[in-house]
Amino acid sequence: MKAEGKTLDELFKSLEPTYGKLLHKIEAPISTDSEPEMIDVLVISPEMDRTVCGQFERFIDGNPDKAREILVKHCVKHGLDEVLGNNVAFRAVSTFLIELLPTAKVRIKN
């Protein structure tokens, strides 16, 4: 697949210096078949972006589809049109991004 005249690997290499370990190449299913066709998607983890995490948390209880859309639109760097245009891919990618959200625990000291 190409994005802006670049292959997925070329795009990954060009974004890697900026995003480092936050950048991920994934495959998302486009059907619920036992062996579904997959699309290549390039995403960045939302974990370092407080604004995106805050927007997601703002909508997750009242409008979960909007919350998922916020993550997908911000974090997908390649394959966005395919993900937004396919319900199965949208759910799969948004679930993956939700799993990447940080969940650190604090320790009680008293």
C-alpha atoms as a PDB file:
ATOM      1  CA  MET A   1       0.000   0.000   0.000  1.00  0.00           C
ATOM      2  CA  LYS A   2       1.149   3.498  -0.672  1.00  0.00           C
ATOM      3  CA  ALA A   3       0.594   6.743   1.217  1.00  0.00           C
ATOM      4  CA  GLU A   4       1.718  10.050  -0.197  1.00  0.00           C
ATOM      5  CA  GLY A   5       3.826   8.176  -2.782  1.00  0.00           C
ATOM      6  CA  LYS A   6       5.592   6.081  -0.140  1.00  0.00           C
ATOM      7  CA  THR A   7       5.282   2.410   0.693  1.00  0.00           C
ATOM      8  CA  LEU A   8       4.277   1.461   4.220  1.00  0.00           C
ATOM      9  CA  ASP A   9       7.888   0.575   5.073  1.00  0.00           C
ATOM     10  CA  GLU A  10       9.190   3.881   3.691  1.00  0.00           C
ATOM     11  CA  LEU A  11       6.567   5.804   5.656  1.00  0.00           C
ATOM     12  CA  PHE A  12       7.448   3.832   8.804  1.00  0.00           C
ATOM     13  CA  LYS A  13      11.142   4.649   8.386  1.00  0.00           C
ATOM     14  CA  SER A  14      10.401   8.342   7.818  1.00  0.00           C
ATOM     15  CA  LEU A  15       8.204   8.587  10.951  1.00  0.00           C
ATOM     16  CA  GLU A  16      10.352   6.404  13.213  1.00  0.00           C
ATOM     17  CA  PRO A  17      12.820   9.182  14.191  1.00  0.00           C
ATOM     18  CA  THR A  18       9.883  11.299  15.406  1.00  0.00           C
ATOM     19  CA  TYR A  19       7.792   8.648  17.167  1.00  0.00           C
ATOM     20  CA  GLY A  20      10.317   5.906  18.004  1.00  0.00           C
ATOM     21  CA  LYS A  21       8.772   3.024  19.951  1.00  0.00           C
ATOM     22  CA  LEU A  22       5.349   4.695  19.850  1.00  0.00           C
ATOM     23  CA  LEU A  23       5.043   3.796  16.142  1.00  0.00           C
ATOM     24  CA  HIS A  24       3.475   0.418  15.253  1.00  0.00           C
ATOM     25  CA  LYS A  25       2.770  -1.470  12.020  1.00  0.00           C
ATOM     26  CA  ILE A  26      -0.367  -3.566  12.468  1.00  0.00           C
ATOM     27  CA  GLU A  27      -2.752  -5.606  10.349  1.00  0.00           C
ATOM     28  CA  ALA A  28      -6.470  -5.057  10.855  1.00  0.00           C
ATOM     29  CA  PRO A  29      -9.228  -7.424   9.713  1.00  0.00           C
ATOM     30  CA  ILE A  30     -11.886  -6.095   7.367  1.00  0.00           C
ATOM     31  CA  SER A  31     -14.355  -8.935   7.978  1.00  0.00           C
ATOM     32  CA  THR A  32     -15.305 -11.346  10.729  1.00  0.00           C
ATOM     33  CA  ASP A  33     -14.591 -14.428   8.597  1.00  0.00           C
ATOM     34  CA  SER A  34     -12.472 -17.213  10.092  1.00  0.00           C
ATOM     35  CA  GLU A  35      -9.606 -16.100   7.814  1.00  0.00           C
ATOM     36  CA  PRO A  36     -10.378 -12.435   7.144  1.00  0.00           C
ATOM     37  CA  GLU A  37      -8.673 -10.223   4.612  1.00  0.00           C
ATOM     38  CA  MET A  38      -6.311  -7.847   6.399  1.00  0.00           C
ATOM     39  CA  ILE A  39      -5.237  -4.269   5.726  1.00  0.00           C
ATOM     40  CA  ASP A  40      -1.936  -2.706   6.735  1.00  0.00           C
ATOM     41  CA  VAL A  41      -2.238   0.157   9.196  1.00  0.00           C
ATOM     42  CA  LEU A  42       0.424   2.401  10.699  1.00  0.00           C
ATOM     43  CA  VAL A  43      -0.436   3.851  14.121  1.00  0.00           C
ATOM     44  CA  ILE A  44       1.176   5.827  16.896  1.00  0.00           C
ATOM     45  CA  SER A  45       0.420   5.068  20.504  1.00  0.00           C
ATOM     46  CA  PRO A  46      -1.744   7.708  22.208  1.00  0.00           C
ATOM     47  CA  GLU A  47       0.073   7.262  25.524  1.00  0.00           C
ATOM     48  CA  MET A  48       2.259  10.379  25.334  1.00  0.00           C
ATOM     49  CA  ASP A  49      -0.444  12.785  24.184  1.00  0.00           C
ATOM     50  CA  ARG A  50      -2.415  14.163  27.145  1.00  0.00           C
ATOM     51  CA  THR A  51      -4.785  16.067  24.871  1.00  0.00           C
ATOM     52  CA  VAL A  52      -5.845  12.961  22.960  1.00  0.00           C
ATOM     53  CA  CYS A  53      -6.141  10.912  26.163  1.00  0.00           C
ATOM     54  CA  GLY A  54      -8.210  13.689  27.738  1.00  0.00           C
ATOM     55  CA  GLN A  55     -10.539  13.937  24.736  1.00  0.00           C
ATOM     56  CA  PHE A  56     -10.949  10.160  24.740  1.00  0.00           C
ATOM     57  CA  GLU A  57     -11.789  10.116  28.469  1.00  0.00           C
ATOM     58  CA  ARG A  58     -14.228  12.997  28.045  1.00  0.00           C
ATOM     59  CA  PHE A  59     -16.382  11.006  25.610  1.00  0.00           C
ATOM     60  CA  ILE A  60     -15.851   7.358  26.623  1.00  0.00           C
ATOM     61  CA  ASP A  61     -18.853   7.144  28.983  1.00  0.00           C
ATOM     62  CA  GLY A  62     -21.361   9.309  27.109  1.00  0.00           C
ATOM     63  CA  ASN A  63     -20.433   8.644  23.485  1.00  0.00           C
ATOM     64  CA  PRO A  64     -18.020   5.708  23.137  1.00  0.00           C
ATOM     65  CA  ASP A  65     -18.067   5.758  19.318  1.00  0.00           C
ATOM     66  CA  LYS A  66     -16.907   9.388  19.338  1.00  0.00           C
ATOM     67  CA  ALA A  67     -14.173   8.482  21.841  1.00  0.00           C
ATOM     68  CA  ARG A  68     -12.969   5.667  19.562  1.00  0.00           C
ATOM     69  CA  GLU A  69     -13.088   7.986  16.550  1.00  0.00           C
ATOM     70  CA  ILE A  70     -10.890  10.532  18.351  1.00  0.00           C
ATOM     71  CA  LEU A  71      -8.223   7.874  18.941  1.00  0.00           C
ATOM     72  CA  VAL A  72      -8.391   6.522  15.408  1.00  0.00           C
ATOM     73  CA  LYS A  73      -8.292   9.917  13.682  1.00  0.00           C
ATOM     74  CA  HIS A  74      -5.343  11.082  15.771  1.00  0.00           C
ATOM     75  CA  CYS A  75      -3.301   7.899  15.907  1.00  0.00           C
ATOM     76  CA  VAL A  76      -3.657   6.270  12.468  1.00  0.00           C
ATOM     77  CA  LYS A  77      -0.902   7.565  10.198  1.00  0.00           C
ATOM     78  CA  HIS A  78      -1.547   5.197   7.272  1.00  0.00           C
ATOM     79  CA  GLY A  79      -4.775   3.424   6.318  1.00  0.00           C
ATOM     80  CA  LEU A  80      -7.144   5.937   7.920  1.00  0.00           C
ATOM     81  CA  ASP A  81      -9.693   5.912   5.083  1.00  0.00           C
ATOM     82  CA  GLU A  82      -9.839   2.106   5.077  1.00  0.00           C
ATOM     83  CA  VAL A  83     -10.223   1.974   8.865  1.00  0.00           C
ATOM     84  CA  LEU A  84     -12.938   4.637   8.978  1.00  0.00           C
ATOM     85  CA  GLY A  85     -14.770   3.003   6.070  1.00  0.00           C
ATOM     86  CA  ASN A  86     -14.971  -0.486   7.572  1.00  0.00           C
ATOM     87  CA  ASN A  87     -16.714  -1.221  10.879  1.00  0.00           C
ATOM     88  CA  VAL A  88     -14.683  -4.355  11.620  1.00  0.00           C
ATOM     89  CA  ALA A  89     -11.361  -2.588  10.991  1.00  0.00           C
ATOM     90  CA  PHE A  90     -12.523   0.453  12.969  1.00  0.00           C
ATOM     91  CA  ARG A  91     -13.415  -1.666  16.028  1.00  0.00           C
ATOM     92  CA  ALA A  92     -10.207  -3.698  15.801  1.00  0.00           C
ATOM     93  CA  VAL A  93      -7.894  -0.677  15.479  1.00  0.00           C
ATOM     94  CA  SER A  94      -9.698   1.401  18.100  1.00  0.00           C
ATOM     95  CA  THR A  95      -9.609  -1.526  20.557  1.00  0.00           C
ATOM     96  CA  PHE A  96      -5.862  -1.897  19.955  1.00  0.00           C
ATOM     97  CA  LEU A  97      -5.338   1.827  20.594  1.00  0.00           C
ATOM     98  CA  ILE A  98      -7.420   1.711  23.795  1.00  0.00           C
ATOM     99  CA  GLU A  99      -5.212  -1.123  25.041  1.00  0.00           C
ATOM    100  CA  LEU A 100      -2.163   1.118  24.512  1.00  0.00           C
ATOM    101  CA  LEU A 101      -3.479   3.813  26.866  1.00  0.00           C
ATOM    102  CA  PRO A 102      -1.307   4.063  29.980  1.00  0.00           C
ATOM    103  CA  THR A 103      -2.592   2.505  33.173  1.00  0.00           C
ATOM    104  CA  ALA A 104       0.061   3.153  35.805  1.00  0.00           C
ATOM    105  CA  LYS A 105      -0.706   2.379  39.418  1.00  0.00           C
ATOM    106  CA  VAL A 106       0.257   4.427  42.434  1.00  0.00           C
ATOM    107  CA  ARG A 107       1.471   3.100  45.766  1.00  0.00           C
ATOM    108  CA  ILE A 108      -0.063   4.135  49.069  1.00  0.00           C
ATOM    109  CA  LYS A 109       2.687   5.066  51.544  1.00  0.00           C
ATOM    110  CA  ASN A 110       0.774   5.501  54.810  1.00  0.00           C
END
